[in-house]
Amino acid sequence: MYETCPNCKLKYERGPGYFLGSAYINYGLTSIILTAAYVGLHFFGGYSNRTLLLTLAAFCVLFPLYFFRYARALWLSMDCYFDVTGFDADQD
């Protein structure tokens, strides 16, 4: 990941552990999708737990890896939106 934006020179990481919140976004979305998929497929689709186990376990591993960079971008955009202080391009 770049340290700064190539266009506006925005420094992405404000401090150590800055993107820890993106892990919460990633985990939260994964658990919401997993729960909805399980309920929908098991109770309304008629799939057994044994059938869903491998499929949903693979989803729990692969989806967070895929969504990692998008969760970071979402965390950064929420931080820019809610807390505009500290995002001055002239600051170090």
C-alpha atoms as a PDB file:
ATOM      1  CA  MET A   1       0.000   0.000   0.000  1.00  0.00           C
ATOM      2  CA  TYR A   2       1.241   3.481  -0.816  1.00  0.00           C
ATOM      3  CA  GLU A   3       2.255   5.721   2.092  1.00  0.00           C
ATOM      4  CA  THR A   4       0.563   8.756   0.522  1.00  0.00           C
ATOM      5  CA  CYS A   5      -1.976   9.407  -2.186  1.00  0.00           C
ATOM      6  CA  PRO A   6      -0.255  10.030  -5.532  1.00  0.00           C
ATOM      7  CA  ASN A   7      -2.735  12.817  -6.387  1.00  0.00           C
ATOM      8  CA  CYS A   8      -3.396  14.798  -3.213  1.00  0.00           C
ATOM      9  CA  LYS A   9      -0.440  13.622  -1.060  1.00  0.00           C
ATOM     10  CA  LEU A  10      -2.766  12.538   1.781  1.00  0.00           C
ATOM     11  CA  LYS A  11      -0.831  10.461   4.309  1.00  0.00           C
ATOM     12  CA  TYR A  12      -2.843   7.273   4.774  1.00  0.00           C
ATOM     13  CA  GLU A  13      -1.631   5.982   8.131  1.00  0.00           C
ATOM     14  CA  ARG A  14      -2.020   8.447  10.990  1.00  0.00           C
ATOM     15  CA  GLY A  15      -0.177   6.318  13.541  1.00  0.00           C
ATOM     16  CA  PRO A  16       0.711   2.777  14.582  1.00  0.00           C
ATOM     17  CA  GLY A  17      -2.324   0.524  14.527  1.00  0.00           C
ATOM     18  CA  TYR A  18      -4.370   3.047  12.575  1.00  0.00           C
ATOM     19  CA  PHE A  19      -6.050   0.420  10.407  1.00  0.00           C
ATOM     20  CA  LEU A  20      -7.090  -1.805  13.319  1.00  0.00           C
ATOM     21  CA  GLY A  21     -10.635  -0.536  12.888  1.00  0.00           C
ATOM     22  CA  SER A  22     -10.716  -1.967   9.382  1.00  0.00           C
ATOM     23  CA  ALA A  23     -10.392  -5.429  10.928  1.00  0.00           C
ATOM     24  CA  TYR A  24     -13.650  -4.777  12.797  1.00  0.00           C
ATOM     25  CA  ILE A  25     -15.342  -3.762   9.553  1.00  0.00           C
ATOM     26  CA  ASN A  26     -14.015  -6.872   7.812  1.00  0.00           C
ATOM     27  CA  TYR A  27     -15.047  -9.181  10.662  1.00  0.00           C
ATOM     28  CA  GLY A  28     -18.452  -7.553  11.028  1.00  0.00           C
ATOM     29  CA  LEU A  29     -19.351  -7.814   7.369  1.00  0.00           C
ATOM     30  CA  THR A  30     -18.088 -11.393   7.187  1.00  0.00           C
ATOM     31  CA  SER A  31     -20.189 -12.439  10.177  1.00  0.00           C
ATOM     32  CA  ILE A  32     -23.317 -10.682   8.873  1.00  0.00           C
ATOM     33  CA  ILE A  33     -23.017 -12.341   5.454  1.00  0.00           C
ATOM     34  CA  LEU A  34     -22.231 -15.713   7.032  1.00  0.00           C
ATOM     35  CA  THR A  35     -25.230 -15.552   9.355  1.00  0.00           C
ATOM     36  CA  ALA A  36     -27.601 -14.486   6.583  1.00  0.00           C
ATOM     37  CA  ALA A  37     -26.266 -17.179   4.248  1.00  0.00           C
ATOM     38  CA  TYR A  38     -26.586 -19.890   6.888  1.00  0.00           C
ATOM     39  CA  VAL A  39     -30.122 -18.937   7.852  1.00  0.00           C
ATOM     40  CA  GLY A  40     -31.205 -18.573   4.253  1.00  0.00           C
ATOM     41  CA  LEU A  41     -29.610 -21.757   2.963  1.00  0.00           C
ATOM     42  CA  HIS A  42     -30.363 -23.969   5.957  1.00  0.00           C
ATOM     43  CA  PHE A  43     -33.887 -22.952   6.859  1.00  0.00           C
ATOM     44  CA  PHE A  44     -35.226 -21.771   3.515  1.00  0.00           C
ATOM     45  CA  GLY A  45     -32.994 -23.649   1.071  1.00  0.00           C
ATOM     46  CA  GLY A  46     -33.127 -26.987   2.851  1.00  0.00           C
ATOM     47  CA  TYR A  47     -29.363 -27.607   2.918  1.00  0.00           C
ATOM     48  CA  SER A  48     -27.986 -29.717   5.754  1.00  0.00           C
ATOM     49  CA  ASN A  49     -25.395 -28.499   8.231  1.00  0.00           C
ATOM     50  CA  ARG A  50     -22.882 -31.011   6.854  1.00  0.00           C
ATOM     51  CA  THR A  51     -23.247 -29.557   3.357  1.00  0.00           C
ATOM     52  CA  LEU A  52     -22.962 -25.973   4.543  1.00  0.00           C
ATOM     53  CA  LEU A  53     -19.959 -26.585   6.802  1.00  0.00           C
ATOM     54  CA  LEU A  54     -17.243 -26.680   4.132  1.00  0.00           C
ATOM     55  CA  THR A  55     -18.827 -24.040   1.946  1.00  0.00           C
ATOM     56  CA  LEU A  56     -19.286 -21.484   4.710  1.00  0.00           C
ATOM     57  CA  ALA A  57     -15.923 -22.325   6.289  1.00  0.00           C
ATOM     58  CA  ALA A  58     -14.231 -21.599   2.960  1.00  0.00           C
ATOM     59  CA  PHE A  59     -16.177 -18.352   2.760  1.00  0.00           C
ATOM     60  CA  CYS A  60     -14.943 -17.375   6.258  1.00  0.00           C
ATOM     61  CA  VAL A  61     -11.357 -17.768   5.085  1.00  0.00           C
ATOM     62  CA  LEU A  62     -11.527 -16.400   1.544  1.00  0.00           C
ATOM     63  CA  PHE A  63     -13.886 -13.432   1.894  1.00  0.00           C
ATOM     64  CA  PRO A  64     -11.833 -11.548   4.533  1.00  0.00           C
ATOM     65  CA  LEU A  65      -8.726 -11.984   2.386  1.00  0.00           C
ATOM     66  CA  TYR A  66     -10.553 -10.557  -0.620  1.00  0.00           C
ATOM     67  CA  PHE A  67     -12.256  -7.742   1.321  1.00  0.00           C
ATOM     68  CA  PHE A  68      -9.109  -6.679   3.228  1.00  0.00           C
ATOM     69  CA  ARG A  69      -8.181  -3.704   1.037  1.00  0.00           C
ATOM     70  CA  TYR A  70     -11.787  -2.558   0.713  1.00  0.00           C
ATOM     71  CA  ALA A  71     -12.209  -2.592   4.492  1.00  0.00           C
ATOM     72  CA  ARG A  72      -9.101  -0.414   4.802  1.00  0.00           C
ATOM     73  CA  ALA A  73     -10.440   2.006   2.196  1.00  0.00           C
ATOM     74  CA  LEU A  74     -13.797   2.140   3.967  1.00  0.00           C
ATOM     75  CA  TRP A  75     -12.087   2.789   7.327  1.00  0.00           C
ATOM     76  CA  LEU A  76      -9.995   5.593   5.837  1.00  0.00           C
ATOM     77  CA  SER A  77     -13.000   7.169   4.136  1.00  0.00           C
ATOM     78  CA  MET A  78     -15.054   7.055   7.337  1.00  0.00           C
ATOM     79  CA  ASP A  79     -12.171   8.663   9.215  1.00  0.00           C
ATOM     80  CA  CYS A  80     -11.858  11.399   6.595  1.00  0.00           C
ATOM     81  CA  TYR A  81     -15.597  12.023   6.715  1.00  0.00           C
ATOM     82  CA  PHE A  82     -16.093  12.078  10.497  1.00  0.00           C
ATOM     83  CA  ASP A  83     -12.739  13.567  11.593  1.00  0.00           C
ATOM     84  CA  VAL A  84     -11.285  16.018   9.105  1.00  0.00           C
ATOM     85  CA  THR A  85      -8.593  17.228  11.509  1.00  0.00           C
ATOM     86  CA  GLY A  86      -5.149  15.847  10.851  1.00  0.00           C
ATOM     87  CA  PHE A  87      -5.631  15.347   7.139  1.00  0.00           C
ATOM     88  CA  ASP A  88      -3.892  18.507   6.043  1.00  0.00           C
ATOM     89  CA  ALA A  89      -1.588  17.643   3.149  1.00  0.00           C
ATOM     90  CA  ASP A  90       1.079  20.057   4.419  1.00  0.00           C
ATOM     91  CA  GLN A  91       1.437  18.331   7.788  1.00  0.00           C
ATOM     92  CA  ASP A  92       3.964  15.554   8.398  1.00  0.00           C
END
